[in-house]
Amino acid sequence: MENLIKCTVCGYVTEKEKLGHKCPKCGAPKEKFEELSEEATEKIITSDRTNDIHMDIINLCMAIEELAEEGEEIALDPPCVAVFKKAQDKAWQLKQMCKAELAGHVAKGKW
C-alpha cells in the first residue's frame, strides 16, 4: 500500500515518494507533512474512484441542465418544455446529492 502524507497547513494529501521540498498547494516545507495511518490511507485509496464518479455525475448533470435550458428556450410545444423542466429539476437534485456525498467523504477523511 502507498504511504500517504498530509500537509498540516492546508490538508493536501500525496504519496510520500512524490513530495518534493515543499507542499505543491501552499508552499509549506516538507517538515509540515505528517504520515497518515493505514486506516486513513485505506479510506482515501478506496474512495478515490467513487469520488471521481461523483464528480463525473456532477459534470453530466450540469450538461443536462444546460441542454434542458436550451430546449426550454426553443419551446417547441408544452409537453416538450415540461420534459426539459423536469430534466433540469432532476439533474439539479442529483447534482446536489452527489455534492452532499462528497462533503460526507471529506468529513470522514475519504478524499
C-alpha atoms as a PDB file:
ATOM      1  CA  MET A   1       0.000   0.000   0.000  1.00  0.00           C
ATOM      2  CA  GLU A   2       1.106   3.528  -0.721  1.00  0.00           C
ATOM      3  CA  ASN A   3       2.373   5.708   2.121  1.00  0.00           C
ATOM      4  CA  LEU A   4       0.242   8.834   2.082  1.00  0.00           C
ATOM      5  CA  ILE A   5       1.182  12.028   3.850  1.00  0.00           C
ATOM      6  CA  LYS A   6      -0.863  15.135   4.593  1.00  0.00           C
ATOM      7  CA  CYS A   7       0.128  18.782   4.841  1.00  0.00           C
ATOM      8  CA  THR A   8      -0.805  20.025   8.303  1.00  0.00           C
ATOM      9  CA  VAL A   9      -1.107  23.561   6.935  1.00  0.00           C
ATOM     10  CA  CYS A  10      -3.547  23.140   4.025  1.00  0.00           C
ATOM     11  CA  GLY A  11      -4.613  19.480   4.071  1.00  0.00           C
ATOM     12  CA  TYR A  12      -3.039  18.498   0.740  1.00  0.00           C
ATOM     13  CA  VAL A  13      -2.531  14.706   0.522  1.00  0.00           C
ATOM     14  CA  THR A  14       0.114  12.989  -1.599  1.00  0.00           C
ATOM     15  CA  GLU A  15       2.310   9.921  -1.746  1.00  0.00           C
ATOM     16  CA  LYS A  16       5.419  10.247   0.402  1.00  0.00           C
ATOM     17  CA  GLU A  17       7.729   9.419  -2.515  1.00  0.00           C
ATOM     18  CA  LYS A  18       6.202  12.136  -4.710  1.00  0.00           C
ATOM     19  CA  LEU A  19       6.672  15.037  -2.301  1.00  0.00           C
ATOM     20  CA  GLY A  20       9.428  17.454  -3.145  1.00  0.00           C
ATOM     21  CA  HIS A  21      10.845  20.001  -0.718  1.00  0.00           C
ATOM     22  CA  LYS A  22       7.576  21.829  -0.185  1.00  0.00           C
ATOM     23  CA  CYS A  23       3.811  21.459  -0.463  1.00  0.00           C
ATOM     24  CA  PRO A  24       2.713  21.996  -4.062  1.00  0.00           C
ATOM     25  CA  LYS A  25      -0.517  23.632  -2.879  1.00  0.00           C
ATOM     26  CA  CYS A  26       0.528  26.061  -0.141  1.00  0.00           C
ATOM     27  CA  GLY A  27       4.341  26.023  -0.238  1.00  0.00           C
ATOM     28  CA  ALA A  28       4.786  24.755   3.335  1.00  0.00           C
ATOM     29  CA  PRO A  29       8.085  22.924   3.905  1.00  0.00           C
ATOM     30  CA  LYS A  30       8.005  19.113   3.785  1.00  0.00           C
ATOM     31  CA  GLU A  31       8.517  19.050   7.558  1.00  0.00           C
ATOM     32  CA  LYS A  32       4.895  20.212   7.864  1.00  0.00           C
ATOM     33  CA  PHE A  33       3.650  16.887   6.442  1.00  0.00           C
ATOM     34  CA  GLU A  34       2.526  14.022   8.645  1.00  0.00           C
ATOM     35  CA  GLU A  35       2.213  10.391   7.642  1.00  0.00           C
ATOM     36  CA  LEU A  36      -1.356   9.103   7.594  1.00  0.00           C
ATOM     37  CA  SER A  37      -2.357   5.944   9.414  1.00  0.00           C
ATOM     38  CA  GLU A  38      -3.035   2.777   7.452  1.00  0.00           C
ATOM     39  CA  GLU A  39      -6.756   3.243   8.134  1.00  0.00           C
ATOM     40  CA  ALA A  40      -6.784   6.832   6.841  1.00  0.00           C
ATOM     41  CA  THR A  41      -4.711   5.826   3.817  1.00  0.00           C
ATOM     42  CA  GLU A  42      -7.083   2.945   3.045  1.00  0.00           C
ATOM     43  CA  LYS A  43     -10.103   5.275   3.222  1.00  0.00           C
ATOM     44  CA  ILE A  44      -8.517   7.671   0.752  1.00  0.00           C
ATOM     45  CA  ILE A  45      -7.374   4.999  -1.676  1.00  0.00           C
ATOM     46  CA  THR A  46     -10.661   3.077  -1.719  1.00  0.00           C
ATOM     47  CA  SER A  47     -12.775   6.210  -2.081  1.00  0.00           C
ATOM     48  CA  ASP A  48     -10.677   7.758  -4.859  1.00  0.00           C
ATOM     49  CA  ARG A  49     -12.656   6.146  -7.670  1.00  0.00           C
ATOM     50  CA  THR A  50     -16.090   6.780  -6.172  1.00  0.00           C
ATOM     51  CA  ASN A  51     -15.198  10.437  -5.656  1.00  0.00           C
ATOM     52  CA  ASP A  52     -14.256  10.640  -9.337  1.00  0.00           C
ATOM     53  CA  ILE A  53     -17.575   9.032 -10.276  1.00  0.00           C
ATOM     54  CA  HIS A  54     -19.465  11.612  -8.212  1.00  0.00           C
ATOM     55  CA  MET A  55     -17.569  14.401  -9.994  1.00  0.00           C
ATOM     56  CA  ASP A  56     -18.374  12.882 -13.389  1.00  0.00           C
ATOM     57  CA  ILE A  57     -22.072  12.677 -12.447  1.00  0.00           C
ATOM     58  CA  ILE A  58     -21.997  16.317 -11.292  1.00  0.00           C
ATOM     59  CA  ASN A  59     -20.495  17.371 -14.634  1.00  0.00           C
ATOM     60  CA  LEU A  60     -23.071  15.348 -16.571  1.00  0.00           C
ATOM     61  CA  CYS A  61     -25.877  16.937 -14.553  1.00  0.00           C
ATOM     62  CA  MET A  62     -24.534  20.374 -15.386  1.00  0.00           C
ATOM     63  CA  ALA A  63     -24.590  19.439 -19.077  1.00  0.00           C
ATOM     64  CA  ILE A  64     -28.170  18.177 -18.736  1.00  0.00           C
ATOM     65  CA  GLU A  65     -29.190  21.447 -17.090  1.00  0.00           C
ATOM     66  CA  GLU A  66     -27.689  23.448 -19.964  1.00  0.00           C
ATOM     67  CA  LEU A  67     -29.296  21.267 -22.632  1.00  0.00           C
ATOM     68  CA  ALA A  68     -32.660  21.373 -20.902  1.00  0.00           C
ATOM     69  CA  GLU A  69     -32.461  25.163 -20.652  1.00  0.00           C
ATOM     70  CA  GLU A  70     -31.786  25.348 -24.381  1.00  0.00           C
ATOM     71  CA  GLY A  71     -34.763  23.073 -25.011  1.00  0.00           C
ATOM     72  CA  GLU A  72     -36.975  25.321 -22.882  1.00  0.00           C
ATOM     73  CA  GLU A  73     -35.876  28.360 -24.863  1.00  0.00           C
ATOM     74  CA  ILE A  74     -36.769  26.636 -28.143  1.00  0.00           C
ATOM     75  CA  ALA A  75     -40.213  25.953 -26.633  1.00  0.00           C
ATOM     76  CA  LEU A  76     -41.400  23.608 -29.368  1.00  0.00           C
ATOM     77  CA  ASP A  77     -44.553  22.628 -27.501  1.00  0.00           C
ATOM     78  CA  PRO A  78     -45.784  22.485 -23.873  1.00  0.00           C
ATOM     79  CA  PRO A  79     -45.159  18.731 -23.289  1.00  0.00           C
ATOM     80  CA  CYS A  80     -41.644  19.113 -24.632  1.00  0.00           C
ATOM     81  CA  VAL A  81     -40.962  22.094 -22.366  1.00  0.00           C
ATOM     82  CA  ALA A  82     -42.366  20.130 -19.396  1.00  0.00           C
ATOM     83  CA  VAL A  83     -39.865  17.334 -20.013  1.00  0.00           C
ATOM     84  CA  PHE A  84     -36.998  19.833 -20.182  1.00  0.00           C
ATOM     85  CA  LYS A  85     -38.096  21.480 -16.929  1.00  0.00           C
ATOM     86  CA  LYS A  86     -38.322  18.086 -15.247  1.00  0.00           C
ATOM     87  CA  ALA A  87     -34.858  17.179 -16.568  1.00  0.00           C
ATOM     88  CA  GLN A  88     -33.442  20.384 -15.084  1.00  0.00           C
ATOM     89  CA  ASP A  89     -35.048  19.708 -11.701  1.00  0.00           C
ATOM     90  CA  LYS A  90     -33.888  16.085 -11.570  1.00  0.00           C
ATOM     91  CA  ALA A  91     -30.373  16.956 -12.713  1.00  0.00           C
ATOM     92  CA  TRP A  92     -30.115  19.646 -10.036  1.00  0.00           C
ATOM     93  CA  GLN A  93     -31.326  17.230  -7.344  1.00  0.00           C
ATOM     94  CA  LEU A  94     -28.876  14.535  -8.411  1.00  0.00           C
ATOM     95  CA  LYS A  95     -26.048  17.061  -8.575  1.00  0.00           C
ATOM     96  CA  GLN A  96     -26.829  18.198  -5.026  1.00  0.00           C
ATOM     97  CA  MET A  97     -26.942  14.596  -3.751  1.00  0.00           C
ATOM     98  CA  CYS A  98     -23.506  13.917  -5.229  1.00  0.00           C
ATOM     99  CA  LYS A  99     -22.143  17.117  -3.691  1.00  0.00           C
ATOM    100  CA  ALA A 100     -23.535  16.108  -0.291  1.00  0.00           C
ATOM    101  CA  GLU A 101     -21.929  12.678  -0.624  1.00  0.00           C
ATOM    102  CA  LEU A 102     -18.572  14.243  -1.482  1.00  0.00           C
ATOM    103  CA  ALA A 103     -18.882  16.563   1.521  1.00  0.00           C
ATOM    104  CA  GLY A 104     -19.535  13.490   3.668  1.00  0.00           C
ATOM    105  CA  HIS A 105     -16.439  11.818   2.261  1.00  0.00           C
ATOM    106  CA  VAL A 106     -14.319  14.856   3.071  1.00  0.00           C
ATOM    107  CA  ALA A 107     -15.715  14.983   6.608  1.00  0.00           C
ATOM    108  CA  LYS A 108     -14.714  11.332   7.056  1.00  0.00           C
ATOM    109  CA  GLY A 109     -11.231  11.856   5.597  1.00  0.00           C
ATOM    110  CA  LYS A 110     -12.044   9.938   2.405  1.00  0.00           C
ATOM    111  CA  TRP A 111     -10.624  12.355  -0.184  1.00  0.00           C
END
